Amino acid sequence: MSTAPFQRKGRFWRGNLHTHSTRSDGRLPPEAVADFYKGAGYDFLALTDHFWEHCGYPITDTRPLRTKSFTTLIGAEIHAPLTAKGHDWHIVALGLPFDYAPPGEGETMQSMCRRAAAAGAFIGVAHPQWYGLTVEDALSIPEAHAVEIYNHGCAVESGRGDGWVVHDEALARGARLGAYAADDAHFGTPDAGGGWVMVKAEALEPEPLLEALKRGDYYSSQGPEIHDIAVSGEEVVVACSPASWVVAVGAGVGTRCAHGQDLTRATLPLDCFGEDGYFRITVTDDKGRQAWSNPIWR
């Protein structure tokens, strides 16, 4: 049986969930940012300008940038002090209302996330590797829907684009979190177009896209496509664009893999993941680009 999102009705829409403009610390105005993503073949964009006081606490209104073939999600990158290592928090919140209030005096990120979630937002734990976010930090946000497991801007600027350690440690402690890739583009470096989500929804409209994100109906990619992930008994069958290897990995050291040239189908045993465990799929092409599924609980 195909797993979510492949069993869902609709089609896959390509989008970037983390982007900045001149409303905060990005180099391009919102219109130019949208033009870039439209030209790159994206279907939707979230402009997540930093929700900082010195920027005027922007929630950028991107509704005028929408067309019949391109839409936007309203959001921001929200901040509050302090993580376990003494840094300001970075959380991506999508689906925020325009009247989402700035942080009150002494307000914590936990409180800000509760307010955002109550307003219907998708909550993403941004670039944990880049600023040393701990798994305890991540677990302190029970409203979070996902961890940013690949941040292209952090990858090209600091080599710290990977968020899998925090994600896997959180899952090992009982959390159920999705895994998304994003650019975090500021357009001051080659930080745009390197990581995205493919969201399965019935319409290219903000509400269906947001609901699909909150359900986990998406996979992430740097280029490869995942066409299907189906579980049959004690095996998983992965259909994908031509790949060099396909890996199923779960808790601890559990893993199964297939290698070859131009693989478009791989069958992997699930014997090492346990009846109540989870696994996720990674597809890697001959250029080293990857695509990642969300965790699949057995």
C-alpha atoms as a PDB file:
ATOM      1  CA  MET A   1       0.000   0.000   0.000  1.00  0.00           C
ATOM      2  CA  SER A   2       1.286   3.461  -0.870  1.00  0.00           C
ATOM      3  CA  THR A   3       2.138   5.603   2.132  1.00  0.00           C
ATOM      4  CA  ALA A   4       1.233   9.243   2.669  1.00  0.00           C
ATOM      5  CA  PRO A   5       1.556  11.522   0.761  1.00  0.00           C
ATOM      6  CA  PHE A   6       1.548   9.229  -2.280  1.00  0.00           C
ATOM      7  CA  GLN A   7      -1.852   7.738  -1.460  1.00  0.00           C
ATOM      8  CA  ARG A   8      -3.493  11.165  -1.183  1.00  0.00           C
ATOM      9  CA  LYS A   9      -5.625  12.793  -3.847  1.00  0.00           C
ATOM     10  CA  GLY A  10      -4.237  15.751  -5.746  1.00  0.00           C
ATOM     11  CA  ARG A  11      -0.812  16.439  -7.207  1.00  0.00           C
ATOM     12  CA  PHE A  12       2.579  17.522  -5.995  1.00  0.00           C
ATOM     13  CA  TRP A  13       3.359  21.241  -5.849  1.00  0.00           C
ATOM     14  CA  ARG A  14       6.919  22.533  -5.514  1.00  0.00           C
ATOM     15  CA  GLY A  15       7.531  25.220  -2.900  1.00  0.00           C
ATOM     16  CA  ASN A  16      10.070  27.016  -0.730  1.00  0.00           C
ATOM     17  CA  LEU A  17       9.103  27.468   2.918  1.00  0.00           C
ATOM     18  CA  HIS A  18      11.875  29.798   4.153  1.00  0.00           C
ATOM     19  CA  THR A  19      12.854  32.971   2.272  1.00  0.00           C
ATOM     20  CA  HIS A  20      13.783  36.583   3.032  1.00  0.00           C
ATOM     21  CA  SER A  21      13.340  39.918   1.294  1.00  0.00           C
ATOM     22  CA  THR A  22      14.213  43.557   1.893  1.00  0.00           C
ATOM     23  CA  ARG A  23      11.419  43.623   4.463  1.00  0.00           C
ATOM     24  CA  SER A  24      14.088  42.163   6.796  1.00  0.00           C
ATOM     25  CA  ASP A  25      17.657  41.181   5.841  1.00  0.00           C
ATOM     26  CA  GLY A  26      17.224  39.900   2.284  1.00  0.00           C
ATOM     27  CA  ARG A  27      18.817  41.590  -0.749  1.00  0.00           C
ATOM     28  CA  LEU A  28      15.766  41.585  -3.073  1.00  0.00           C
ATOM     29  CA  PRO A  29      12.307  43.117  -2.720  1.00  0.00           C
ATOM     30  CA  PRO A  30       9.375  40.699  -2.407  1.00  0.00           C
ATOM     31  CA  GLU A  31       8.400  41.105  -6.066  1.00  0.00           C
ATOM     32  CA  ALA A  32      11.878  40.105  -7.269  1.00  0.00           C
ATOM     33  CA  VAL A  33      11.995  37.136  -4.893  1.00  0.00           C
ATOM     34  CA  ALA A  34       8.686  35.870  -6.259  1.00  0.00           C
ATOM     35  CA  ASP A  35       9.888  36.396  -9.834  1.00  0.00           C
ATOM     36  CA  PHE A  36      12.961  34.256  -9.128  1.00  0.00           C
ATOM     37  CA  TYR A  37      10.910  31.350  -7.822  1.00  0.00           C
ATOM     38  CA  LYS A  38       8.332  31.610 -10.577  1.00  0.00           C
ATOM     39  CA  GLY A  39      11.142  31.520 -13.141  1.00  0.00           C
ATOM     40  CA  ALA A  40      12.728  28.525 -11.427  1.00  0.00           C
ATOM     41  CA  GLY A  41       9.557  26.464 -11.811  1.00  0.00           C
ATOM     42  CA  TYR A  42       8.186  26.705  -8.297  1.00  0.00           C
ATOM     43  CA  ASP A  43       4.448  26.621  -7.638  1.00  0.00           C
ATOM     44  CA  PHE A  44       4.442  28.468  -4.314  1.00  0.00           C
ATOM     45  CA  LEU A  45       6.580  30.488  -1.947  1.00  0.00           C
ATOM     46  CA  ALA A  46       6.589  31.506   1.699  1.00  0.00           C
ATOM     47  CA  LEU A  47       8.298  34.819   2.402  1.00  0.00           C
ATOM     48  CA  THR A  48       9.393  34.456   6.024  1.00  0.00           C
ATOM     49  CA  ASP A  49      10.992  37.773   6.860  1.00  0.00           C
ATOM     50  CA  HIS A  50      12.546  38.044  10.298  1.00  0.00           C
ATOM     51  CA  PHE A  51       9.980  39.084  12.905  1.00  0.00           C
ATOM     52  CA  TRP A  52      12.366  41.557  14.498  1.00  0.00           C
ATOM     53  CA  GLU A  53      11.571  44.861  16.165  1.00  0.00           C
ATOM     54  CA  HIS A  54      14.160  46.791  14.133  1.00  0.00           C
ATOM     55  CA  CYS A  55      12.467  45.536  10.942  1.00  0.00           C
ATOM     56  CA  GLY A  56       9.039  46.589  12.169  1.00  0.00           C
ATOM     57  CA  TYR A  57       7.869  43.033  12.977  1.00  0.00           C
ATOM     58  CA  PRO A  58       7.041  42.318   9.330  1.00  0.00           C
ATOM     59  CA  ILE A  59       4.533  39.747   8.165  1.00  0.00           C
ATOM     60  CA  THR A  60       5.010  40.387   4.467  1.00  0.00           C
ATOM     61  CA  ASP A  61       1.800  40.612   2.474  1.00  0.00           C
ATOM     62  CA  THR A  62       2.472  38.500  -0.607  1.00  0.00           C
ATOM     63  CA  ARG A  63      -1.142  38.192  -1.742  1.00  0.00           C
ATOM     64  CA  PRO A  64      -0.581  40.651  -4.641  1.00  0.00           C
ATOM     65  CA  LEU A  65       2.133  38.295  -5.956  1.00  0.00           C
ATOM     66  CA  ARG A  66      -0.291  35.416  -6.462  1.00  0.00           C
ATOM     67  CA  THR A  67      -1.379  34.294  -9.927  1.00  0.00           C
ATOM     68  CA  LYS A  68      -3.405  31.374 -11.260  1.00  0.00           C
ATOM     69  CA  SER A  69      -0.210  29.287 -11.480  1.00  0.00           C
ATOM     70  CA  PHE A  70       1.693  30.589  -8.437  1.00  0.00           C
ATOM     71  CA  THR A  71       0.613  31.181  -4.873  1.00  0.00           C
ATOM     72  CA  THR A  72       2.110  32.250  -1.565  1.00  0.00           C
ATOM     73  CA  LEU A  73       1.888  31.373   2.107  1.00  0.00           C
ATOM     74  CA  ILE A  74       1.836  34.167   4.669  1.00  0.00           C
ATOM     75  CA  GLY A  75       4.422  33.759   7.390  1.00  0.00           C
ATOM     76  CA  ALA A  76       7.508  34.946   9.221  1.00  0.00           C
ATOM     77  CA  GLU A  77      10.615  33.713  10.976  1.00  0.00           C
ATOM     78  CA  ILE A  78       9.822  34.399  14.609  1.00  0.00           C
ATOM     79  CA  HIS A  79      12.376  34.962  17.366  1.00  0.00           C
ATOM     80  CA  ALA A  80      12.675  35.058  21.134  1.00  0.00           C
ATOM     81  CA  PRO A  81      15.478  34.556  23.657  1.00  0.00           C
ATOM     82  CA  LEU A  82      16.958  32.074  24.566  1.00  0.00           C
ATOM     83  CA  THR A  83      17.896  28.572  23.503  1.00  0.00           C
ATOM     84  CA  ALA A  84      19.900  26.232  25.723  1.00  0.00           C
ATOM     85  CA  LYS A  85      23.112  27.613  24.211  1.00  0.00           C
ATOM     86  CA  GLY A  86      22.123  31.234  24.695  1.00  0.00           C
ATOM     87  CA  HIS A  87      21.070  32.036  21.123  1.00  0.00           C
ATOM     88  CA  ASP A  88      17.883  33.699  19.949  1.00  0.00           C
ATOM     89  CA  TRP A  89      15.341  31.212  18.645  1.00  0.00           C
ATOM     90  CA  HIS A  90      14.585  30.849  14.921  1.00  0.00           C
ATOM     91  CA  ILE A  91      11.203  29.318  14.116  1.00  0.00           C
ATOM     92  CA  VAL A  92       9.432  29.308  10.732  1.00  0.00           C
ATOM     93  CA  ALA A  93       5.712  29.965  11.157  1.00  0.00           C
ATOM     94  CA  LEU A  94       3.476  29.717   8.079  1.00  0.00           C
ATOM     95  CA  GLY A  95      -0.174  30.676   7.949  1.00  0.00           C
ATOM     96  CA  LEU A  96       0.181  33.518  10.437  1.00  0.00           C
ATOM     97  CA  PRO A  97      -2.561  36.126  10.575  1.00  0.00           C
ATOM     98  CA  PHE A  98      -1.466  39.682   9.825  1.00  0.00           C
ATOM     99  CA  ASP A  99      -2.425  40.694  13.369  1.00  0.00           C
ATOM    100  CA  TYR A 100      -0.089  38.171  14.999  1.00  0.00           C
ATOM    101  CA  ALA A 101       1.258  40.242  17.870  1.00  0.00           C
ATOM    102  CA  PRO A 102       4.932  41.004  18.500  1.00  0.00           C
ATOM    103  CA  PRO A 103       6.435  39.254  21.524  1.00  0.00           C
ATOM    104  CA  GLY A 104       5.470  40.709  24.843  1.00  0.00           C
ATOM    105  CA  GLU A 105       8.102  41.711  27.372  1.00  0.00           C
ATOM    106  CA  GLY A 106       9.901  38.562  28.453  1.00  0.00           C
ATOM    107  CA  GLU A 107       7.761  36.315  26.245  1.00  0.00           C
ATOM    108  CA  THR A 108       9.328  32.952  25.454  1.00  0.00           C
ATOM    109  CA  MET A 109       9.468  31.129  22.156  1.00  0.00           C
ATOM    110  CA  GLN A 110       7.265  28.443  23.678  1.00  0.00           C
ATOM    111  CA  SER A 111       4.572  31.065  24.259  1.00  0.00           C
ATOM    112  CA  MET A 112       5.001  32.550  20.791  1.00  0.00           C
ATOM    113  CA  CYS A 113       4.630  29.110  19.217  1.00  0.00           C
ATOM    114  CA  ARG A 114       1.500  28.409  21.226  1.00  0.00           C
ATOM    115  CA  ARG A 115       0.013  31.646  19.897  1.00  0.00           C
ATOM    116  CA  ALA A 116       1.058  30.861  16.328  1.00  0.00           C
ATOM    117  CA  ALA A 117      -0.315  27.322  16.479  1.00  0.00           C
ATOM    118  CA  ALA A 118      -3.591  28.566  17.977  1.00  0.00           C
ATOM    119  CA  ALA A 119      -3.883  30.848  14.937  1.00  0.00           C
ATOM    120  CA  GLY A 120      -3.514  27.809  12.640  1.00  0.00           C
ATOM    121  CA  ALA A 121       0.154  28.108  11.696  1.00  0.00           C
ATOM    122  CA  PHE A 122       2.548  25.414  10.536  1.00  0.00           C
ATOM    123  CA  ILE A 123       5.556  25.474  12.884  1.00  0.00           C
ATOM    124  CA  GLY A 124       9.027  24.519  11.621  1.00  0.00           C
ATOM    125  CA  VAL A 125      12.201  24.278  13.711  1.00  0.00           C
ATOM    126  CA  ALA A 126      14.666  26.159  11.505  1.00  0.00           C
ATOM    127  CA  HIS A 127      18.333  25.254  10.760  1.00  0.00           C
ATOM    128  CA  PRO A 128      19.146  23.524  14.069  1.00  0.00           C
ATOM    129  CA  GLN A 129      22.701  22.598  13.061  1.00  0.00           C
ATOM    130  CA  TRP A 130      23.602  26.162  12.081  1.00  0.00           C
ATOM    131  CA  TYR A 131      23.142  27.643  15.551  1.00  0.00           C
ATOM    132  CA  GLY A 132      23.594  24.638  17.758  1.00  0.00           C
ATOM    133  CA  LEU A 133      19.979  23.989  18.688  1.00  0.00           C
ATOM    134  CA  THR A 134      19.721  21.037  21.059  1.00  0.00           C
ATOM    135  CA  VAL A 135      17.192  18.236  20.971  1.00  0.00           C
ATOM    136  CA  GLU A 136      15.915  19.508  24.326  1.00  0.00           C
ATOM    137  CA  ASP A 137      15.236  22.852  22.658  1.00  0.00           C
ATOM    138  CA  ALA A 138      13.304  21.164  19.852  1.00  0.00           C
ATOM    139  CA  LEU A 139      11.272  19.059  22.270  1.00  0.00           C
ATOM    140  CA  SER A 140      10.310  22.188  24.209  1.00  0.00           C
ATOM    141  CA  ILE A 141       8.130  23.197  21.215  1.00  0.00           C
ATOM    142  CA  PRO A 142       5.386  20.526  21.236  1.00  0.00           C
ATOM    143  CA  GLU A 143       3.439  22.546  18.655  1.00  0.00           C
ATOM    144  CA  ALA A 144       6.208  22.011  16.065  1.00  0.00           C
ATOM    145  CA  HIS A 145       5.172  20.135  12.959  1.00  0.00           C
ATOM    146  CA  ALA A 146       8.627  19.577  11.489  1.00  0.00           C
ATOM    147  CA  VAL A 147      12.376  20.128  11.654  1.00  0.00           C
ATOM    148  CA  GLU A 148      14.253  21.856   8.843  1.00  0.00           C
ATOM    149  CA  ILE A 149      16.534  18.963   7.888  1.00  0.00           C
ATOM    150  CA  TYR A 150      18.216  20.804   5.007  1.00  0.00           C
ATOM    151  CA  ASN A 151      18.846  24.544   4.808  1.00  0.00           C
ATOM    152  CA  HIS A 152      20.561  25.496   1.564  1.00  0.00           C
ATOM    153  CA  GLY A 153      21.713  28.913   2.743  1.00  0.00           C
ATOM    154  CA  CYS A 154      23.416  27.414   5.789  1.00  0.00           C
ATOM    155  CA  ALA A 155      24.951  24.689   3.612  1.00  0.00           C
ATOM    156  CA  VAL A 156      26.578  27.090   1.148  1.00  0.00           C
ATOM    157  CA  GLU A 157      27.592  29.699   3.733  1.00  0.00           C
ATOM    158  CA  SER A 158      28.801  27.603   6.667  1.00  0.00           C
ATOM    159  CA  GLY A 159      28.602  23.915   5.742  1.00  0.00           C
ATOM    160  CA  ARG A 160      25.955  23.473   8.439  1.00  0.00           C
ATOM    161  CA  GLY A 161      22.832  22.826   6.439  1.00  0.00           C
ATOM    162  CA  ASP A 162      21.962  19.423   7.926  1.00  0.00           C
ATOM    163  CA  GLY A 163      19.324  19.090  10.652  1.00  0.00           C
ATOM    164  CA  TRP A 164      18.973  15.305  10.789  1.00  0.00           C
ATOM    165  CA  VAL A 165      20.705  14.774  14.140  1.00  0.00           C
ATOM    166  CA  VAL A 166      18.194  16.900  16.044  1.00  0.00           C
ATOM    167  CA  HIS A 167      15.337  15.375  14.057  1.00  0.00           C
ATOM    168  CA  ASP A 168      16.391  11.771  14.689  1.00  0.00           C
ATOM    169  CA  GLU A 169      17.136  12.402  18.371  1.00  0.00           C
ATOM    170  CA  ALA A 170      13.701  13.985  18.813  1.00  0.00           C
ATOM    171  CA  LEU A 171      12.044  10.984  17.175  1.00  0.00           C
ATOM    172  CA  ALA A 172      14.050   8.627  19.372  1.00  0.00           C
ATOM    173  CA  ARG A 173      12.518  10.399  22.382  1.00  0.00           C
ATOM    174  CA  GLY A 174       8.975   9.939  21.124  1.00  0.00           C
ATOM    175  CA  ALA A 175       8.311  13.064  19.051  1.00  0.00           C
ATOM    176  CA  ARG A 176       6.501  12.782  15.731  1.00  0.00           C
ATOM    177  CA  LEU A 177       7.975  15.429  13.477  1.00  0.00           C
ATOM    178  CA  GLY A 178       8.091  15.904   9.743  1.00  0.00           C
ATOM    179  CA  ALA A 179      11.279  16.777   7.874  1.00  0.00           C
ATOM    180  CA  TYR A 180      11.439  19.616   5.359  1.00  0.00           C
ATOM    181  CA  ALA A 181      14.099  21.221   3.153  1.00  0.00           C
ATOM    182  CA  ALA A 182      14.244  24.929   2.351  1.00  0.00           C
ATOM    183  CA  ASP A 183      16.502  27.610   0.918  1.00  0.00           C
ATOM    184  CA  ASP A 184      16.519  30.297   3.616  1.00  0.00           C
ATOM    185  CA  ALA A 185      17.433  32.497   0.657  1.00  0.00           C
ATOM    186  CA  HIS A 186      18.732  36.012   1.252  1.00  0.00           C
ATOM    187  CA  PHE A 187      20.194  36.378  -2.272  1.00  0.00           C
ATOM    188  CA  GLY A 188      23.562  37.585  -1.064  1.00  0.00           C
ATOM    189  CA  THR A 189      25.174  34.214  -1.891  1.00  0.00           C
ATOM    190  CA  PRO A 190      24.107  31.335  -4.209  1.00  0.00           C
ATOM    191  CA  ASP A 191      21.513  30.349  -1.598  1.00  0.00           C
ATOM    192  CA  ALA A 192      18.356  30.041  -3.722  1.00  0.00           C
ATOM    193  CA  GLY A 193      16.925  27.017  -5.512  1.00  0.00           C
ATOM    194  CA  GLY A 194      18.876  24.376  -3.597  1.00  0.00           C
ATOM    195  CA  GLY A 195      16.258  22.632  -1.450  1.00  0.00           C
ATOM    196  CA  TRP A 196      12.471  22.495  -1.549  1.00  0.00           C
ATOM    197  CA  VAL A 197       9.320  20.608  -0.626  1.00  0.00           C
ATOM    198  CA  MET A 198       6.942  18.735  -2.897  1.00  0.00           C
ATOM    199  CA  VAL A 199       3.522  19.056  -1.242  1.00  0.00           C
ATOM    200  CA  LYS A 200       0.592  16.814  -2.203  1.00  0.00           C
ATOM    201  CA  ALA A 201      -2.626  18.832  -2.257  1.00  0.00           C
ATOM    202  CA  GLU A 202      -5.782  18.966  -4.319  1.00  0.00           C
ATOM    203  CA  ALA A 203      -5.423  22.650  -5.216  1.00  0.00           C
ATOM    204  CA  LEU A 204      -2.705  25.266  -5.543  1.00  0.00           C
ATOM    205  CA  GLU A 205      -4.218  27.395  -2.802  1.00  0.00           C
ATOM    206  CA  PRO A 206      -2.837  28.462   0.579  1.00  0.00           C
ATOM    207  CA  GLU A 207      -5.247  26.558   2.814  1.00  0.00           C
ATOM    208  CA  PRO A 208      -4.910  23.128   1.142  1.00  0.00           C
ATOM    209  CA  LEU A 209      -1.136  23.546   1.046  1.00  0.00           C
ATOM    210  CA  LEU A 210      -0.965  24.492   4.738  1.00  0.00           C
ATOM    211  CA  GLU A 211      -3.182  21.614   5.789  1.00  0.00           C
ATOM    212  CA  ALA A 212      -1.054  19.204   3.745  1.00  0.00           C
ATOM    213  CA  LEU A 213       2.114  20.536   5.375  1.00  0.00           C
ATOM    214  CA  LYS A 214       0.634  20.085   8.838  1.00  0.00           C
ATOM    215  CA  ARG A 215      -0.377  16.493   7.966  1.00  0.00           C
ATOM    216  CA  GLY A 216       3.093  15.741   6.594  1.00  0.00           C
ATOM    217  CA  ASP A 217       1.878  15.201   3.043  1.00  0.00           C
ATOM    218  CA  TYR A 218       5.126  16.136   1.335  1.00  0.00           C
ATOM    219  CA  TYR A 219       8.657  15.046   0.641  1.00  0.00           C
ATOM    220  CA  SER A 220      11.782  17.183   0.310  1.00  0.00           C
ATOM    221  CA  SER A 221      14.351  17.339  -2.465  1.00  0.00           C
ATOM    222  CA  GLN A 222      17.477  18.870  -3.937  1.00  0.00           C
ATOM    223  CA  GLY A 223      16.588  17.444  -7.359  1.00  0.00           C
ATOM    224  CA  PRO A 224      15.505  13.748  -7.355  1.00  0.00           C
ATOM    225  CA  GLU A 225      11.828  12.847  -7.493  1.00  0.00           C
ATOM    226  CA  ILE A 226      10.103  10.247  -5.360  1.00  0.00           C
ATOM    227  CA  HIS A 227       7.155   8.809  -7.279  1.00  0.00           C
ATOM    228  CA  ASP A 228       5.898   6.330  -4.686  1.00  0.00           C
ATOM    229  CA  ILE A 229       6.734   4.647  -1.399  1.00  0.00           C
ATOM    230  CA  ALA A 230       4.641   1.526  -0.811  1.00  0.00           C
ATOM    231  CA  VAL A 231       4.784  -0.933   2.076  1.00  0.00           C
ATOM    232  CA  SER A 232       3.974  -4.545   1.246  1.00  0.00           C
ATOM    233  CA  GLY A 233       4.273  -6.938   4.155  1.00  0.00           C
ATOM    234  CA  GLU A 234       7.849  -6.731   5.406  1.00  0.00           C
ATOM    235  CA  GLU A 235       9.162  -4.786   2.417  1.00  0.00           C
ATOM    236  CA  VAL A 236       9.067  -1.236   1.150  1.00  0.00           C
ATOM    237  CA  VAL A 237       9.074  -0.528  -2.582  1.00  0.00           C
ATOM    238  CA  VAL A 238      10.400   2.865  -3.680  1.00  0.00           C
ATOM    239  CA  ALA A 239       9.784   4.293  -7.166  1.00  0.00           C
ATOM    240  CA  CYS A 240      11.861   7.317  -8.087  1.00  0.00           C
ATOM    241  CA  SER A 241      13.701   9.240 -10.775  1.00  0.00           C
ATOM    242  CA  PRO A 242      17.045   7.633 -11.808  1.00  0.00           C
ATOM    243  CA  ALA A 243      19.157   7.170  -8.691  1.00  0.00           C
ATOM    244  CA  SER A 244      22.520   5.777  -7.638  1.00  0.00           C
ATOM    245  CA  TRP A 245      21.303   4.548  -4.272  1.00  0.00           C
ATOM    246  CA  VAL A 246      18.120   4.302  -2.226  1.00  0.00           C
ATOM    247  CA  VAL A 247      18.281   3.977   1.555  1.00  0.00           C
ATOM    248  CA  ALA A 248      15.747   3.189   4.267  1.00  0.00           C
ATOM    249  CA  VAL A 249      16.972   4.307   7.696  1.00  0.00           C
ATOM    250  CA  GLY A 250      15.305   4.214  11.095  1.00  0.00           C
ATOM    251  CA  ALA A 251      16.071   4.516  14.778  1.00  0.00           C
ATOM    252  CA  GLY A 252      19.566   3.713  15.956  1.00  0.00           C
ATOM    253  CA  VAL A 253      21.710   2.025  13.305  1.00  0.00           C
ATOM    254  CA  GLY A 254      18.854   0.322  11.462  1.00  0.00           C
ATOM    255  CA  THR A 255      19.263   0.687   7.694  1.00  0.00           C
ATOM    256  CA  ARG A 256      18.703  -1.106   4.411  1.00  0.00           C
ATOM    257  CA  CYS A 257      19.954   0.090   1.016  1.00  0.00           C
ATOM    258  CA  ALA A 258      20.092  -0.606  -2.709  1.00  0.00           C
ATOM    259  CA  HIS A 259      22.829   0.602  -5.070  1.00  0.00           C
ATOM    260  CA  GLY A 260      23.053   0.651  -8.847  1.00  0.00           C
ATOM    261  CA  GLN A 261      23.039   2.800 -11.957  1.00  0.00           C
ATOM    262  CA  ASP A 262      19.873   4.658 -12.931  1.00  0.00           C
ATOM    263  CA  LEU A 263      17.769   2.892 -10.307  1.00  0.00           C
ATOM    264  CA  THR A 264      14.106   3.768 -10.699  1.00  0.00           C
ATOM    265  CA  ARG A 265      12.761   1.093  -8.355  1.00  0.00           C
ATOM    266  CA  ALA A 266      14.147  -0.422  -5.177  1.00  0.00           C
ATOM    267  CA  THR A 267      12.719  -3.054  -2.851  1.00  0.00           C
ATOM    268  CA  LEU A 268      14.101  -2.971   0.685  1.00  0.00           C
ATOM    269  CA  PRO A 269      13.353  -5.285   3.647  1.00  0.00           C
ATOM    270  CA  LEU A 270      11.932  -3.738   6.799  1.00  0.00           C
ATOM    271  CA  ASP A 271      13.137  -6.431   9.189  1.00  0.00           C
ATOM    272  CA  CYS A 272      15.471  -4.139  11.161  1.00  0.00           C
ATOM    273  CA  PHE A 273      12.942  -1.418  12.006  1.00  0.00           C
ATOM    274  CA  GLY A 274      10.633  -3.195  14.425  1.00  0.00           C
ATOM    275  CA  GLU A 275       6.861  -3.501  14.268  1.00  0.00           C
ATOM    276  CA  ASP A 276       6.311  -0.211  16.098  1.00  0.00           C
ATOM    277  CA  GLY A 277       9.337   1.650  14.753  1.00  0.00           C
ATOM    278  CA  TYR A 278       9.752   4.061  11.873  1.00  0.00           C
ATOM    279  CA  PHE A 279      11.882   4.492   8.797  1.00  0.00           C
ATOM    280  CA  ARG A 280      12.479   7.189   6.205  1.00  0.00           C
ATOM    281  CA  ILE A 281      13.696   7.023   2.639  1.00  0.00           C
ATOM    282  CA  THR A 282      16.641   8.862   1.071  1.00  0.00           C
ATOM    283  CA  VAL A 283      17.144   8.832  -2.709  1.00  0.00           C
ATOM    284  CA  THR A 284      20.520   9.980  -4.083  1.00  0.00           C
ATOM    285  CA  ASP A 285      21.242  10.638  -7.757  1.00  0.00           C
ATOM    286  CA  ASP A 286      24.550  10.440  -9.653  1.00  0.00           C
ATOM    287  CA  LYS A 287      25.284  14.104  -8.853  1.00  0.00           C
ATOM    288  CA  GLY A 288      24.961  13.535  -5.118  1.00  0.00           C
ATOM    289  CA  ARG A 289      21.650  15.377  -4.866  1.00  0.00           C
ATOM    290  CA  GLN A 290      19.133  13.862  -2.489  1.00  0.00           C
ATOM    291  CA  ALA A 291      15.416  13.558  -1.843  1.00  0.00           C
ATOM    292  CA  TRP A 292      14.008  12.668   1.571  1.00  0.00           C
ATOM    293  CA  SER A 293      10.686  11.286   2.722  1.00  0.00           C
ATOM    294  CA  ASN A 294       9.034  12.129   5.994  1.00  0.00           C
ATOM    295  CA  PRO A 295       9.252   9.426   8.668  1.00  0.00           C
ATOM    296  CA  ILE A 296       6.940   6.504   8.023  1.00  0.00           C
ATOM    297  CA  TRP A 297       5.695   4.843  11.210  1.00  0.00           C
ATOM    298  CA  ARG A 298       4.990   1.144  10.873  1.00  0.00           C
END
